[in-house]
PDB file of N, CA and C in Angstrom:
ATOM      1  N   MET A   1       1.240 -38.182  10.771  1.00  0.00           N
ATOM      2  CA  MET A   1       1.411 -36.934  11.698  1.00  0.00           C
ATOM      3  C   MET A   1       0.338 -35.964  11.322  1.00  0.00           C
ATOM      4  N   GLU A   2      -0.240 -35.281  12.453  1.00  0.00           N
ATOM      5  CA  GLU A   2      -1.218 -34.371  12.405  1.00  0.00           C
ATOM      6  C   GLU A   2      -0.727 -33.032  11.925  1.00  0.00           C
ATOM      7  N   GLN A   3      -1.511 -32.383  10.976  1.00  0.00           N
ATOM      8  CA  GLN A   3      -1.231 -31.069  10.430  1.00  0.00           C
ATOM      9  C   GLN A   3      -1.361 -30.007  11.508  1.00  0.00           C
ATOM     10  N   LEU A   4      -0.527 -29.030  11.498  1.00  0.00           N
ATOM     11  CA  LEU A   4      -0.554 -27.905  12.512  1.00  0.00           C
ATOM     12  C   LEU A   4      -0.574 -26.673  11.799  1.00  0.00           C
ATOM     13  N   PHE A   5      -1.422 -25.744  12.382  1.00  0.00           N
ATOM     14  CA  PHE A   5      -1.753 -24.538  11.783  1.00  0.00           C
ATOM     15  C   PHE A   5      -1.313 -23.297  12.593  1.00  0.00           C
ATOM     16  N   THR A   6      -0.907 -22.296  11.919  1.00  0.00           N
ATOM     17  CA  THR A   6      -0.564 -21.048  12.734  1.00  0.00           C
ATOM     18  C   THR A   6      -1.875 -20.411  13.261  1.00  0.00           C
ATOM     19  N   ILE A   7      -1.602 -19.422  14.042  1.00  0.00           N
ATOM     20  CA  ILE A   7      -2.831 -18.723  14.707  1.00  0.00           C
ATOM     21  C   ILE A   7      -3.593 -18.009  13.514  1.00  0.00           C
ATOM     22  N   ARG A   8      -2.910 -17.329  12.587  1.00  0.00           N
ATOM     23  CA  ARG A   8      -3.506 -16.731  11.512  1.00  0.00           C
ATOM     24  C   ARG A   8      -4.400 -17.806  10.621  1.00  0.00           C
ATOM     25  N   GLU A   9      -3.722 -18.848  10.261  1.00  0.00           N
ATOM     26  CA  GLU A   9      -4.538 -19.882   9.531  1.00  0.00           C
ATOM     27  C   GLU A   9      -5.563 -20.475  10.267  1.00  0.00           C
ATOM     28  N   THR A  10      -5.552 -20.641  11.605  1.00  0.00           N
ATOM     29  CA  THR A  10      -6.669 -21.138  12.471  1.00  0.00           C
ATOM     30  C   THR A  10      -7.807 -20.088  12.422  1.00  0.00           C
ATOM     31  N   ALA A  11      -7.459 -18.812  12.404  1.00  0.00           N
ATOM     32  CA  ALA A  11      -8.460 -17.817  12.397  1.00  0.00           C
ATOM     33  C   ALA A  11      -9.142 -17.779  11.225  1.00  0.00           C
ATOM     34  N   LYS A  12      -8.456 -17.907  10.123  1.00  0.00           N
ATOM     35  CA  LYS A  12      -9.158 -17.991   8.695  1.00  0.00           C
ATOM     36  C   LYS A  12     -10.066 -19.247   8.586  1.00  0.00           C
ATOM     37  N   LEU A  13      -9.609 -20.409   9.066  1.00  0.00           N
ATOM     38  CA  LEU A  13     -10.355 -21.660   9.022  1.00  0.00           C
ATOM     39  C   LEU A  13     -11.665 -21.515   9.851  1.00  0.00           C
ATOM     40  N   LEU A  14     -11.460 -20.870  10.911  1.00  0.00           N
ATOM     41  CA  LEU A  14     -12.699 -20.765  11.845  1.00  0.00           C
ATOM     42  C   LEU A  14     -13.510 -19.539  11.623  1.00  0.00           C
ATOM     43  N   THR A  15     -13.089 -18.659  10.678  1.00  0.00           N
ATOM     44  CA  THR A  15     -13.644 -17.427  10.396  1.00  0.00           C
ATOM     45  C   THR A  15     -13.954 -16.461  11.628  1.00  0.00           C
ATOM     46  N   LEU A  16     -12.737 -16.398  12.422  1.00  0.00           N
ATOM     47  CA  LEU A  16     -12.578 -15.682  13.545  1.00  0.00           C
ATOM     48  C   LEU A  16     -11.474 -14.697  13.502  1.00  0.00           C
ATOM     49  N   LYS A  17     -11.288 -13.762  14.390  1.00  0.00           N
ATOM     50  CA  LYS A  17     -10.222 -12.782  14.376  1.00  0.00           C
ATOM     51  C   LYS A  17      -8.978 -13.576  15.180  1.00  0.00           C
ATOM     52  N   GLU A  18      -7.884 -13.205  14.814  1.00  0.00           N
ATOM     53  CA  GLU A  18      -6.623 -13.650  15.419  1.00  0.00           C
ATOM     54  C   GLU A  18      -6.667 -13.456  16.936  1.00  0.00           C
ATOM     55  N   SER A  19      -7.110 -12.289  17.341  1.00  0.00           N
ATOM     56  CA  SER A  19      -7.189 -11.918  18.780  1.00  0.00           C
ATOM     57  C   SER A  19      -8.145 -12.892  19.422  1.00  0.00           C
ATOM     58  N   THR A  20      -9.163 -13.426  18.763  1.00  0.00           N
ATOM     59  CA  THR A  20      -9.991 -14.442  19.512  1.00  0.00           C
ATOM     60  C   THR A  20      -9.288 -15.701  19.731  1.00  0.00           C
ATOM     61  N   ILE A  21      -8.534 -16.129  18.650  1.00  0.00           N
ATOM     62  CA  ILE A  21      -7.782 -17.398  18.809  1.00  0.00           C
ATOM     63  C   ILE A  21      -6.619 -17.266  19.884  1.00  0.00           C
ATOM     64  N   TYR A  22      -5.990 -16.100  20.002  1.00  0.00           N
ATOM     65  CA  TYR A  22      -5.045 -15.924  21.044  1.00  0.00           C
ATOM     66  C   TYR A  22      -5.736 -15.987  22.353  1.00  0.00           C
ATOM     67  N   ARG A  23      -6.856 -15.353  22.504  1.00  0.00           N
ATOM     68  CA  ARG A  23      -7.449 -15.315  23.761  1.00  0.00           C
ATOM     69  C   ARG A  23      -8.025 -16.716  24.246  1.00  0.00           C
ATOM     70  N   TRP A  24      -8.485 -17.566  23.227  1.00  0.00           N
ATOM     71  CA  TRP A  24      -8.848 -18.944  23.461  1.00  0.00           C
ATOM     72  C   TRP A  24      -7.753 -19.866  23.859  1.00  0.00           C
ATOM     73  N   VAL A  25      -6.555 -19.670  23.306  1.00  0.00           N
ATOM     74  CA  VAL A  25      -5.290 -20.262  23.706  1.00  0.00           C
ATOM     75  C   VAL A  25      -4.992 -19.910  25.066  1.00  0.00           C
ATOM     76  N   PHE A  26      -5.034 -18.712  25.423  1.00  0.00           N
ATOM     77  CA  PHE A  26      -4.587 -18.091  26.847  1.00  0.00           C
ATOM     78  C   PHE A  26      -5.687 -18.655  27.881  1.00  0.00           C
ATOM     79  N   ASP A  27      -6.894 -18.776  27.487  1.00  0.00           N
ATOM     80  CA  ASP A  27      -8.025 -19.293  28.390  1.00  0.00           C
ATOM     81  C   ASP A  27      -8.092 -20.763  28.473  1.00  0.00           C
ATOM     82  N   GLY A  28      -7.388 -21.513  27.488  1.00  0.00           N
ATOM     83  CA  GLY A  28      -7.302 -22.907  27.596  1.00  0.00           C
ATOM     84  C   GLY A  28      -8.437 -23.533  26.712  1.00  0.00           C
ATOM     85  N   LYS A  29      -9.201 -22.777  26.024  1.00  0.00           N
ATOM     86  CA  LYS A  29     -10.239 -23.425  25.049  1.00  0.00           C
ATOM     87  C   LYS A  29      -9.588 -24.168  23.920  1.00  0.00           C
ATOM     88  N   ILE A  30      -8.430 -23.760  23.700  1.00  0.00           N
ATOM     89  CA  ILE A  30      -7.636 -24.381  22.545  1.00  0.00           C
ATOM     90  C   ILE A  30      -6.299 -24.919  23.032  1.00  0.00           C
ATOM     91  N   LYS A  31      -5.935 -26.061  22.963  1.00  0.00           N
ATOM     92  CA  LYS A  31      -4.871 -26.716  23.353  1.00  0.00           C
ATOM     93  C   LYS A  31      -3.740 -26.670  22.178  1.00  0.00           C
ATOM     94  N   PRO A  32      -2.933 -25.673  22.426  1.00  0.00           N
ATOM     95  CA  PRO A  32      -1.881 -25.468  21.245  1.00  0.00           C
ATOM     96  C   PRO A  32      -0.700 -26.453  21.455  1.00  0.00           C
ATOM     97  N   VAL A  33       0.185 -26.447  20.392  1.00  0.00           N
ATOM     98  CA  VAL A  33       1.557 -27.290  20.507  1.00  0.00           C
ATOM     99  C   VAL A  33       2.469 -26.140  20.385  1.00  0.00           C
ATOM    100  N   ARG A  34       3.553 -26.250  21.096  1.00  0.00           N
ATOM    101  CA  ARG A  34       4.602 -25.246  21.104  1.00  0.00           C
ATOM    102  C   ARG A  34       5.712 -25.849  20.134  1.00  0.00           C
ATOM    103  N   VAL A  35       6.176 -25.004  19.314  1.00  0.00           N
ATOM    104  CA  VAL A  35       7.208 -25.367  18.247  1.00  0.00           C
ATOM    105  C   VAL A  35       8.379 -24.403  18.699  1.00  0.00           C
ATOM    106  N   GLY A  36       9.430 -24.902  19.202  1.00  0.00           N
ATOM    107  CA  GLY A  36      10.527 -24.171  19.571  1.00  0.00           C
ATOM    108  C   GLY A  36      10.193 -23.443  20.909  1.00  0.00           C
ATOM    109  N   SER A  37      10.813 -22.288  21.302  1.00  0.00           N
ATOM    110  CA  SER A  37      10.509 -21.676  22.532  1.00  0.00           C
ATOM    111  C   SER A  37       9.403 -20.688  22.419  1.00  0.00           C
ATOM    112  N   ARG A  38       8.877 -20.201  21.373  1.00  0.00           N
ATOM    113  CA  ARG A  38       7.887 -19.147  21.297  1.00  0.00           C
ATOM    114  C   ARG A  38       6.749 -19.501  20.395  1.00  0.00           C
ATOM    115  N   ALA A  39       7.047 -20.150  19.226  1.00  0.00           N
ATOM    116  CA  ALA A  39       5.957 -20.436  18.273  1.00  0.00           C
ATOM    117  C   ALA A  39       4.892 -21.378  18.653  1.00  0.00           C
ATOM    118  N   VAL A  40       3.649 -21.016  18.460  1.00  0.00           N
ATOM    119  CA  VAL A  40       2.480 -21.843  18.844  1.00  0.00           C
ATOM    120  C   VAL A  40       1.798 -22.241  17.494  1.00  0.00           C
ATOM    121  N   ARG A  41       1.387 -23.490  17.507  1.00  0.00           N
ATOM    122  CA  ARG A  41       0.591 -24.099  16.416  1.00  0.00           C
ATOM    123  C   ARG A  41      -0.598 -24.791  17.014  1.00  0.00           C
ATOM    124  N   VAL A  42      -1.746 -24.802  16.097  1.00  0.00           N
ATOM    125  CA  VAL A  42      -2.937 -25.354  16.493  1.00  0.00           C
ATOM    126  C   VAL A  42      -3.008 -26.689  15.690  1.00  0.00           C
ATOM    127  N   PRO A  43      -3.248 -27.873  16.366  1.00  0.00           N
ATOM    128  CA  PRO A  43      -3.483 -29.132  15.827  1.00  0.00           C
ATOM    129  C   PRO A  43      -4.661 -29.091  15.006  1.00  0.00           C
ATOM    130  N   GLU A  44      -4.847 -29.872  13.786  1.00  0.00           N
ATOM    131  CA  GLU A  44      -6.042 -29.977  13.175  1.00  0.00           C
ATOM    132  C   GLU A  44      -7.253 -30.493  14.051  1.00  0.00           C
ATOM    133  N   SER A  45      -6.864 -31.467  14.889  1.00  0.00           N
ATOM    134  CA  SER A  45      -7.844 -32.099  15.657  1.00  0.00           C
ATOM    135  C   SER A  45      -8.645 -30.971  16.537  1.00  0.00           C
ATOM    136  N   GLU A  46      -7.929 -29.989  17.056  1.00  0.00           N
ATOM    137  CA  GLU A  46      -8.456 -28.924  17.742  1.00  0.00           C
ATOM    138  C   GLU A  46      -9.443 -28.137  17.032  1.00  0.00           C
ATOM    139  N   ILE A  47      -9.081 -27.732  15.785  1.00  0.00           N
ATOM    140  CA  ILE A  47      -9.906 -27.077  14.797  1.00  0.00           C
ATOM    141  C   ILE A  47     -11.192 -27.874  14.553  1.00  0.00           C
ATOM    142  N   LEU A  48     -11.051 -29.104  14.345  1.00  0.00           N
ATOM    143  CA  LEU A  48     -12.194 -29.929  14.027  1.00  0.00           C
ATOM    144  C   LEU A  48     -13.080 -29.921  15.163  1.00  0.00           C
ATOM    145  N   ARG A  49     -12.552 -30.139  16.535  1.00  0.00           N
ATOM    146  CA  ARG A  49     -13.381 -30.142  17.735  1.00  0.00           C
ATOM    147  C   ARG A  49     -14.072 -28.831  17.834  1.00  0.00           C
ATOM    148  N   ILE A  50     -13.477 -27.655  17.637  1.00  0.00           N
ATOM    149  CA  ILE A  50     -14.233 -26.455  17.728  1.00  0.00           C
ATOM    150  C   ILE A  50     -15.293 -26.261  16.635  1.00  0.00           C
ATOM    151  N   ARG A  51     -15.060 -26.778  15.507  1.00  0.00           N
ATOM    152  CA  ARG A  51     -16.174 -26.630  14.511  1.00  0.00           C
ATOM    153  C   ARG A  51     -17.269 -27.538  14.837  1.00  0.00           C
ATOM    154  N   GLU A  52     -17.024 -28.748  15.258  1.00  0.00           N
ATOM    155  CA  GLU A  52     -18.194 -29.645  15.704  1.00  0.00           C
ATOM    156  C   GLU A  52     -18.986 -29.179  16.934  1.00  0.00           C
ATOM    157  N   ALA A  53     -18.236 -28.368  17.771  1.00  0.00           N
ATOM    158  CA  ALA A  53     -18.941 -27.818  18.841  1.00  0.00           C
ATOM    159  C   ALA A  53     -19.792 -26.657  18.575  1.00  0.00           C
ATOM    160  N   GLY A  54     -19.372 -25.975  17.379  1.00  0.00           N
ATOM    161  CA  GLY A  54     -19.966 -24.782  16.871  1.00  0.00           C
ATOM    162  C   GLY A  54     -19.694 -23.581  17.795  1.00  0.00           C
ATOM    163  N   GLU A  55     -18.549 -23.572  18.485  1.00  0.00           N
ATOM    164  CA  GLU A  55     -18.126 -22.431  19.303  1.00  0.00           C
ATOM    165  C   GLU A  55     -17.976 -21.154  18.570  1.00  0.00           C
ATOM    166  N   LYS A  56     -18.374 -20.222  19.080  1.00  0.00           N
ATOM    167  CA  LYS A  56     -17.990 -18.828  18.766  1.00  0.00           C
ATOM    168  C   LYS A  56     -17.560 -17.963  19.831  1.00  0.00           C
ATOM    169  N   ALA A  57     -16.988 -16.811  19.496  1.00  0.00           N
ATOM    170  CA  ALA A  57     -16.508 -15.856  20.686  1.00  0.00           C
ATOM    171  C   ALA A  57     -17.676 -15.567  21.477  1.00  0.00           C
TER     172      ALA A  57
END
């Protein structure tokens, strides 16, 4: 099973601000996984995809 990261953890791993990660989720740049009705997690594959693409805000 793929590891899931919180928005805060994702921001640290990508050395970005949490607000940037939230914006990317809202804009569809990151495809999150919903856990329950409100919680959002980012799959490891999305983090790797962003790192490989070298995306920045």
